[in-house]
């Protein structure tokens, strides 16, 4: 009854909630997503490090205490899912369940608890969905995806939205720790021998990118972030030069991680596995002669959901769709936000401003996000918008693109000076993107003052640029919308594009 009396206004209705229960060799996790979407948003996320893969290399079976821990977690996950109102549940299991002699009995127990089938992924399927998770979460990924779990490592090439054949190696953190009897030198030998059989794809210069998937590698990256005092604690699309990553992996490939500076940022349950994850990562990066390591927060679960989408949704830009959702949930007028996109296209077209790579979709996303902070105090709308955007669970853009979006909307609210711009954001993007964000912010300032962030005016304006003059034309019946402050803002924008600016009222 409470839900009927107070319906959620901060959620998007549709095909959800959707639950994915991921039964891995180290963790058992429930993630509940809001709905099927190009950018699925988490409603709930919980894991238990049951360690199902522990001991399989020696005994061939999952340990009874690990099985009971996993079943207890799954029982709770069912109750939580029912409480949330989950409409569909997908259950996947990986290396431990498929390799252990008591795997079938365990899977039967899980199915009895949940009342839905468990899909046991083979190594190829696990690699396929990991690759799809990266395809769903990155802008035009190309390189090698590696998914490190407790029991296995999957490697699969990706390029232009497609994945190649995957291959599985018995190099998961738990399995490698046991096979090496906890000895780092032995683990290094085992990893090197296993990877020697892999036929690395022929990647050109600048394309030797390794996308790292899995909790152990994310923990390793978190430790690296702490070491270099990286300003943004967003793991997805965090980039490390391969040479730096190799050197760091060698440094943390130690018997006891507690002796490594900053190791407290790694959870106690993960610390014993991080050195073995570092061993595998160092051998992978070295063998493929990698240029760059990129950390992915999307993997098998997101790949599974992406695979369920209709073809038209797979073609959507994830950044734009996430920004559109923010506009629907937070903007004064989502219709005005869409008008901004089209209006900015006309302006950039008239001025013949070149956009390369992801710059055009980023501009569109900035338009959609421009008014999400309007409920804050006027003095803090820019700061609040910046904080929301810089820390949002976006996929499909790198940290420089995230900074561009945050700065563009900051400038739209706070003016074009840098005094209040977060030093965190300043460190994340270069001169071109920074100047482009100021340009977009100035354009948004013109639109917000002209329209009061409401729809119906922008489509009726004219934009023309010739011989160093950019002109904004208002129809006669909108003449009263002209004013000194509007002209000042338009002049500011024109200067940023090396033009003079003029506002005129049409005679007709």
Foldseek 3Di string as FASTA:
>chain_A
DVCVVPPDLQADDDAWQEWEWEAEQFKTKIWTWRHQALATDTPDIDMDRLNQNAPCVPPLAGDPSSLVSNLVVLLVSLVVCVVVPGDYYAYEYEDSLVRGPCNVVSQVSSCVSNVDHYHYDYLQLQLQLQQLQQLSFAAFAFAWEWEAAQQWIKIWTDGRSHIDTIDIDRQHLNSLCVVQVLDLVSSLVRLLVRCVPDDGDDDDPPRHEYEYHYDLVLLLVVQVCVVVVQLAPDQAFDKDFLVVLLVSLVVCLDSFNVVPPSNVSHDPSNRRRNSSVSSNSNSVCVVSVGGMYTYHHTGNVSSVSLVPDPPVSSPDQQLLRVLLSLLSSAAPDSVLLQLQLVLVVQQCVQLVPDDDDCRSVLLSSLSSLQGRQVVDDLVCSLVVSLVCQQPPPGGHDHNQSSLLSSLLSSCLRPNLDCPPPDPSSVVRHDDVSNLVSSLSSLVSNLVCLLPVSDDDFSVQWDWHDDDQEIEIEGEQVSVVSDDDVSLVSQQVSSVSSRGGYYYYYDPD
